[in-house]
């Protein structure tokens, strides 16, 4: 019985851990909710069968009631997705996914199949009302320079370049969803849309606004905790801009440090990886001990010099006393 309870709760644990990072955006929200919804429904059906097979076991009746309450709560959140098309748009505006996941999960379900048309119309309406034709390309100062220092034959390079022809469409969103998914589903969609902010400004703004929303408040809570360590009793009058800049710098430096450590540990796994980490830890301790020894030696030398100066001063004072007596 404990094993069955663990298997149900592990789905919630897995969904929570997979969506608490700062790189997880709103595009993961609906997929995660659908995952929890389906796992809870499977648990409810399983506990109902166990209750029917074991009528004298009151534990299965309790588990069925608990699973039913969890399923009703999941259904409540599932219906909230219809209140805003942003949940669906964030999924579709991932170039490696688009509408493929909805077709994969809903077309084979008689109950969910009619939802596809409703969701597509909702996303189309959001696009047309809030973004279509309302944003232009940002003004940038471009500095043209040859790709190589000695490349003076720009006309030949331009004549040799293969030009890509983009089909002209009155609706860039329909052109986007009408094509096959681009890249891998795990690719960062922010890089994709940032590179198209000038060629497709309204559609790129649409995607960046949707994907800028975090899927959970875990990272925001971490920022609050970090700011609490910055704003202390002795630093309680910092300007908001200073606090914002400090938190941004801390996050950026932390990311660089994590990437540096991950890059240094490539290929190190198992015993070898642990040995390398142990060596780094021991070398760090040795360097700390050496620095402590050096600081102790420096303190001893300073103390000896001070004692010598004091002895010289005492000798001078003794001479002055003898002269006064004479």
Protein backbone atom coordinates (compact mmCIF):
# COMPACT_ATOMS: atom_id res chain seq x y z
CA UNK A 1 0.00 0.00 0.00
CA UNK A 2 2.83 2.40 0.81
CA UNK A 3 4.33 1.65 -2.57
CA UNK A 4 1.10 2.66 -4.31
CA UNK A 5 0.91 5.90 -2.33
CA UNK A 6 4.54 6.65 -3.16
CA UNK A 7 3.96 6.11 -6.88
CA UNK A 8 1.09 8.60 -6.86
CA UNK A 9 2.88 11.26 -4.84
CA UNK A 10 6.07 10.86 -6.87
CA UNK A 11 4.26 12.29 -9.93
CA UNK A 12 3.60 15.51 -8.01
CA UNK A 13 7.18 15.55 -6.77
CA UNK A 14 8.54 15.09 -10.29
CA UNK A 15 6.32 17.80 -11.73
CA UNK A 16 7.36 20.24 -9.01
CA UNK A 17 11.09 19.72 -9.44
CA UNK A 18 10.89 19.97 -13.22
CA UNK A 19 9.24 23.39 -13.07
CA UNK A 20 10.99 25.29 -10.31
CA UNK A 21 14.01 26.51 -12.27
CA UNK A 22 14.36 30.01 -13.62
CA UNK A 23 14.61 28.75 -17.21
CA UNK A 24 11.14 27.15 -17.05
CA UNK A 25 8.50 29.35 -18.67
CA UNK A 26 4.75 29.37 -19.06
CA UNK A 27 5.02 26.95 -21.97
CA UNK A 28 5.46 24.11 -19.47
CA UNK A 29 2.38 24.98 -17.43
CA UNK A 30 -0.37 23.24 -19.37
CA UNK A 31 1.70 20.16 -20.18
CA UNK A 32 2.58 19.78 -16.50
CA UNK A 33 -1.04 20.20 -15.43
CA UNK A 34 -2.17 17.63 -17.98
CA UNK A 35 0.50 15.23 -16.70
CA UNK A 36 -0.70 15.57 -13.09
CA UNK A 37 -4.34 15.36 -14.19
CA UNK A 38 -3.80 12.09 -16.05
CA UNK A 39 -1.69 10.54 -13.26
CA UNK A 40 -4.31 11.45 -10.66
CA UNK A 41 -7.08 9.97 -12.78
CA UNK A 42 -5.13 6.73 -13.17
CA UNK A 43 -4.62 6.58 -9.38
CA UNK A 44 -8.33 7.19 -8.78
CA UNK A 45 -9.31 4.35 -11.13
CA UNK A 46 -6.78 2.03 -9.52
CA UNK A 47 -7.97 2.74 -5.98
CA UNK A 48 -11.60 2.25 -7.05
CA UNK A 49 -10.74 -1.18 -8.40
CA UNK A 50 -8.84 -2.08 -5.22
CA UNK A 51 -11.76 -0.93 -3.09
CA UNK A 52 -14.14 -3.09 -5.12
CA UNK A 53 -11.85 -6.10 -4.86
CA UNK A 54 -11.23 -5.61 -1.12
CA UNK A 55 -14.51 -4.40 0.40
CA UNK A 56 -13.33 -5.11 3.97
CA UNK A 57 -10.21 -2.99 3.67
CA UNK A 58 -11.07 0.52 4.82
CA UNK A 59 -7.68 1.89 3.71
CA UNK A 60 -8.61 1.59 0.03
CA UNK A 61 -11.82 3.52 0.64
CA UNK A 62 -9.79 6.31 2.23
CA UNK A 63 -7.30 6.32 -0.67
CA UNK A 64 -10.13 6.48 -3.19
CA UNK A 65 -11.62 9.50 -1.42
CA UNK A 66 -8.22 11.23 -1.28
CA UNK A 67 -7.54 10.55 -4.97
CA UNK A 68 -11.02 11.80 -5.88
CA UNK A 69 -10.42 15.09 -4.01
CA UNK A 70 -7.08 15.52 -5.76
CA UNK A 71 -8.67 14.84 -9.14
CA UNK A 72 -11.41 17.42 -8.53
CA UNK A 73 -8.80 20.01 -7.63
CA UNK A 74 -6.81 19.21 -10.79
CA UNK A 75 -9.98 19.51 -12.86
CA UNK A 76 -10.64 22.93 -11.32
CA UNK A 77 -7.20 24.17 -12.38
CA UNK A 78 -7.61 22.49 -15.76
CA UNK A 79 -10.72 24.58 -16.43
CA UNK A 80 -8.89 27.77 -15.43
CA UNK A 81 -6.74 27.38 -18.54
CA UNK A 82 -9.74 28.45 -20.64
CA UNK A 83 -9.76 31.83 -18.90
CA UNK A 84 -6.64 32.93 -20.82
CA UNK A 85 -5.28 31.78 -24.15
CA UNK A 86 -1.75 32.58 -22.93
CA UNK A 87 -1.36 29.07 -21.51
CA UNK A 88 -1.96 27.55 -24.94
CA UNK A 89 -0.03 30.24 -26.83
CA UNK A 90 3.08 29.68 -24.71
CA UNK A 91 3.05 26.03 -25.76
CA UNK A 92 2.44 26.76 -29.44
CA UNK A 93 5.07 29.51 -29.68
CA UNK A 94 7.87 27.07 -28.95
CA UNK A 95 9.35 26.44 -32.42
CA UNK A 96 10.18 22.81 -31.69
CA UNK A 97 6.66 21.98 -30.52
CA UNK A 98 3.92 24.20 -32.01
CA UNK A 99 0.58 22.31 -32.13
CA UNK A 100 2.17 18.87 -32.22
CA UNK A 101 1.65 18.06 -28.55
CA UNK A 102 -2.06 18.95 -28.66
CA UNK A 103 -2.54 16.82 -31.75
CA UNK A 104 -0.64 13.98 -30.16
CA UNK A 105 -2.59 13.99 -26.89
CA UNK A 106 -6.05 15.17 -27.94
CA UNK A 107 -6.76 13.76 -31.39
CA UNK A 108 -6.92 10.21 -30.02
CA UNK A 109 -9.34 11.19 -27.25
CA UNK A 110 -13.02 11.53 -28.19
CA UNK A 111 -13.66 13.93 -25.34
CA UNK A 112 -10.66 16.20 -25.98
CA UNK A 113 -10.69 16.19 -29.80
CA UNK A 114 -13.24 19.05 -30.10
CA UNK A 115 -11.09 21.18 -27.81
CA UNK A 116 -8.44 21.65 -30.50
CA UNK A 117 -10.59 23.95 -32.64
CA UNK A 118 -11.63 25.96 -29.59
CA UNK A 119 -8.06 26.43 -28.40
CA UNK A 120 -6.79 27.35 -31.87
CA UNK A 121 -9.47 30.04 -32.22
CA UNK A 122 -8.61 31.42 -28.77
CA UNK A 123 -4.90 31.76 -29.60
CA UNK A 124 -5.71 33.30 -32.99
CA UNK A 125 -8.00 35.83 -31.30
CA UNK A 126 -5.32 36.78 -28.77
CA UNK A 127 -2.82 37.28 -31.59
CA UNK A 128 -5.11 39.46 -33.66
CA UNK A 129 -6.37 41.63 -30.78
CA UNK A 130 -3.12 42.27 -28.95
CA UNK A 131 -0.18 41.87 -31.34
CA UNK A 132 -0.91 41.60 -35.05
CA UNK A 133 0.42 44.67 -36.87
CA UNK A 134 0.92 46.65 -33.65
CA UNK A 135 4.69 46.41 -33.28
CA UNK A 136 7.46 47.51 -35.62
CA UNK A 137 11.09 46.53 -35.80
CA UNK A 138 13.25 48.24 -33.14
CA UNK A 139 15.65 50.86 -34.39
CA UNK A 140 19.22 49.65 -34.17
CA UNK A 141 22.47 51.28 -35.20
CA UNK A 142 24.18 48.81 -37.49
CA UNK A 143 27.89 49.08 -38.22
CA UNK A 144 28.84 47.32 -41.44
CA UNK A 145 32.27 45.77 -41.58
CA UNK A 146 33.82 42.98 -43.64
CA UNK A 147 33.83 39.52 -42.14
CA UNK A 148 37.61 39.37 -42.54
CA UNK A 149 40.10 42.22 -42.14
CA UNK A 150 41.36 41.85 -45.73
CA UNK A 151 37.98 41.19 -47.35
CA UNK A 152 37.70 44.12 -49.77
CA UNK A 153 35.67 42.31 -52.42
CA UNK A 154 32.20 42.81 -50.98
CA UNK A 155 30.48 42.93 -54.36
CA UNK A 156 31.69 39.45 -55.29
CA UNK A 157 30.65 38.03 -51.89
CA UNK A 158 27.20 39.56 -52.24
CA UNK A 159 26.84 38.17 -55.78
CA UNK A 160 27.90 34.72 -54.57
CA UNK A 161 25.55 34.64 -51.55
CA UNK A 162 22.46 32.43 -51.78
CA UNK A 163 19.40 34.45 -50.89
CA UNK A 164 16.52 32.86 -49.04
CA UNK A 165 13.03 33.69 -50.23
CA UNK A 166 10.44 34.00 -47.47
CA UNK A 167 6.85 33.41 -48.62
CA UNK A 168 4.76 36.55 -48.25
CA UNK A 169 1.71 36.12 -46.04
CA UNK A 170 -0.73 38.56 -44.52
CA UNK A 171 -0.66 36.65 -41.24
CA UNK A 172 2.79 35.79 -39.91
CA UNK A 173 1.29 33.68 -37.12
CA UNK A 174 -0.51 31.42 -39.59
CA UNK A 175 2.71 31.13 -41.61
CA UNK A 176 4.54 30.11 -38.45
CA UNK A 177 2.09 27.42 -37.30
CA UNK A 178 1.63 26.20 -40.85
CA UNK A 179 5.23 25.02 -41.05
CA UNK A 180 6.74 21.96 -39.42
CA UNK A 181 8.42 22.34 -36.03
CA UNK A 182 11.91 23.82 -36.22
CA UNK A 183 14.86 22.54 -34.22
CA UNK A 184 14.58 20.28 -31.20
CA UNK A 185 11.79 20.52 -28.61
CA UNK A 186 14.43 21.13 -25.94
CA UNK A 187 15.98 24.14 -27.71
CA UNK A 188 15.67 27.52 -26.01
CA UNK A 189 12.80 29.36 -27.76
CA UNK A 190 13.99 32.73 -26.46
CA UNK A 191 17.07 32.60 -28.68
CA UNK A 192 14.88 31.74 -31.65
CA UNK A 193 12.54 34.71 -31.19
CA UNK A 194 15.25 37.19 -30.21
CA UNK A 195 16.90 36.53 -33.55
CA UNK A 196 13.61 37.39 -35.32
CA UNK A 197 12.75 40.59 -33.48
CA UNK A 198 13.47 42.65 -36.61
CA UNK A 199 12.14 40.33 -39.32
CA UNK A 200 8.94 39.42 -37.44
CA UNK A 201 8.56 42.08 -34.74
CA UNK A 202 4.90 41.57 -33.86
CA UNK A 203 5.08 37.77 -33.77
CA UNK A 204 8.37 37.84 -31.88
CA UNK A 205 6.90 40.22 -29.31
CA UNK A 206 3.91 37.90 -28.97
CA UNK A 207 6.17 34.94 -28.27
CA UNK A 208 8.57 36.76 -25.95
CA UNK A 209 5.70 38.11 -23.85
CA UNK A 210 4.24 34.63 -23.43
CA UNK A 211 7.56 32.89 -22.75
CA UNK A 212 8.78 35.55 -20.32
CA UNK A 213 6.20 34.42 -17.75
CA UNK A 214 7.60 31.92 -15.21
CA UNK A 215 5.73 28.67 -14.78
CA UNK A 216 6.00 28.90 -10.98
CA UNK A 217 6.92 31.46 -8.34
CA UNK A 218 9.87 29.44 -6.99
CA UNK A 219 12.53 31.63 -8.62
CA UNK A 220 10.74 34.82 -7.54
CA UNK A 221 10.76 33.59 -3.96
CA UNK A 222 14.50 32.98 -4.24
CA UNK A 223 14.99 36.59 -5.35
CA UNK A 224 13.06 37.82 -2.32
CA UNK A 225 15.20 35.68 -0.03
CA UNK A 226 18.36 36.97 -1.67
CA UNK A 227 17.21 40.59 -1.33
CA UNK A 228 16.50 39.97 2.35
CA UNK A 229 20.18 39.16 2.83
CA UNK A 230 21.14 42.37 1.01
CA UNK A 231 18.84 44.77 2.86
CA UNK A 232 19.95 44.59 6.48
CA UNK A 233 19.53 46.87 9.48
CA UNK A 234 22.69 48.75 8.52
CA UNK A 235 21.71 48.95 4.84
CA UNK A 236 18.03 49.83 4.96
CA UNK A 237 18.08 52.90 2.70
CA UNK A 238 19.35 51.42 -0.54
CA UNK A 239 17.80 52.83 -3.69
CA UNK A 240 15.53 50.40 -5.60
CA UNK A 241 17.77 50.70 -8.66
CA UNK A 242 20.77 49.68 -6.57
CA UNK A 243 18.92 46.65 -5.22
CA UNK A 244 17.81 45.64 -8.71
CA UNK A 245 21.32 45.99 -10.15
CA UNK A 246 22.80 44.00 -7.28
CA UNK A 247 20.36 41.12 -7.68
CA UNK A 248 20.88 41.05 -11.46
CA UNK A 249 24.66 40.95 -11.08
CA UNK A 250 24.43 38.24 -8.46
CA UNK A 251 22.26 36.08 -10.72
CA UNK A 252 24.53 36.61 -13.74
CA UNK A 253 27.72 35.84 -11.82
CA UNK A 254 26.08 32.75 -10.37
CA UNK A 255 25.14 31.52 -13.84
CA UNK A 256 28.70 32.05 -15.09
CA UNK A 257 30.09 30.20 -12.08
CA UNK A 258 27.72 27.27 -12.61
CA UNK A 259 28.59 27.06 -16.31
CA UNK A 260 32.29 27.23 -15.50
CA UNK A 261 32.03 24.43 -13.00
CA UNK A 262 29.93 22.29 -15.30
CA UNK A 263 32.39 22.86 -18.13
CA UNK A 264 35.31 21.88 -15.90
CA UNK A 265 33.60 18.67 -14.86
CA UNK A 266 32.76 17.41 -18.39
CA UNK A 267 33.69 13.79 -18.67
CA UNK A 268 34.16 13.37 -14.94
CA UNK A 269 31.72 10.88 -13.52
CA UNK A 270 31.69 8.05 -11.05
CA UNK A 271 34.81 7.49 -9.00
CA UNK A 272 36.93 9.65 -11.27
CA UNK A 273 34.63 12.61 -10.83
CA UNK A 274 34.55 12.19 -7.08
CA UNK A 275 38.34 11.87 -6.94
CA UNK A 276 38.73 15.07 -8.95
CA UNK A 277 36.35 16.89 -6.62
CA UNK A 278 38.24 15.51 -3.59
CA UNK A 279 41.54 16.68 -5.07
CA UNK A 280 40.10 20.16 -5.63
CA UNK A 281 38.79 20.23 -2.08
CA UNK A 282 42.14 19.07 -0.65
CA UNK A 283 44.09 21.57 -2.75
CA UNK A 284 41.76 24.28 -1.59
CA UNK A 285 42.31 23.31 2.03
CA UNK A 286 46.08 23.18 1.52
CA UNK A 287 46.07 26.66 0.01
CA UNK A 288 43.99 27.90 2.92
CA UNK A 289 46.40 26.33 5.40
CA UNK A 290 49.38 27.87 3.62
CA UNK A 291 47.75 31.28 3.66
CA UNK A 292 47.00 30.84 7.37
CA UNK A 293 50.63 29.87 8.03
CA UNK A 294 51.88 32.87 6.10
CA UNK A 295 49.56 35.18 8.00
CA UNK A 296 50.75 33.65 11.31
CA UNK A 297 54.39 34.15 10.31
CA UNK A 298 53.66 37.73 9.33
CA UNK A 299 51.97 38.35 12.67
CA UNK A 300 54.94 36.81 14.54
CA UNK A 301 57.36 39.05 12.68
CA UNK A 302 55.29 42.13 13.46
CA UNK A 303 55.09 41.14 17.12
CA UNK A 304 58.89 40.63 17.25
CA UNK A 305 59.50 44.02 15.65
CA UNK A 306 57.16 45.68 18.13
CA UNK A 307 58.88 43.97 21.06
CA UNK A 308 62.30 45.10 19.76
CA UNK A 309 61.06 48.67 19.45
CA UNK A 310 59.67 48.54 22.97
CA UNK A 311 62.98 47.23 24.34
CA UNK A 312 64.88 50.03 22.56
CA UNK A 313 62.53 52.58 23.99
CA UNK A 314 62.97 51.14 27.45
CA UNK A 315 66.76 51.29 27.13
CA UNK A 316 66.53 54.93 26.02
CA UNK A 317 64.32 55.76 28.97
CA UNK A 318 66.77 54.09 31.38
CA UNK A 319 69.60 56.23 29.97
CA UNK A 320 67.57 59.37 30.49
CA UNK A 321 66.86 58.41 34.09
CA UNK A 322 70.58 57.83 34.77
CA UNK A 323 71.46 61.26 33.33
CA UNK A 324 68.86 62.94 35.53
CA UNK A 325 70.26 61.19 38.60
CA UNK A 326 73.77 62.34 37.65
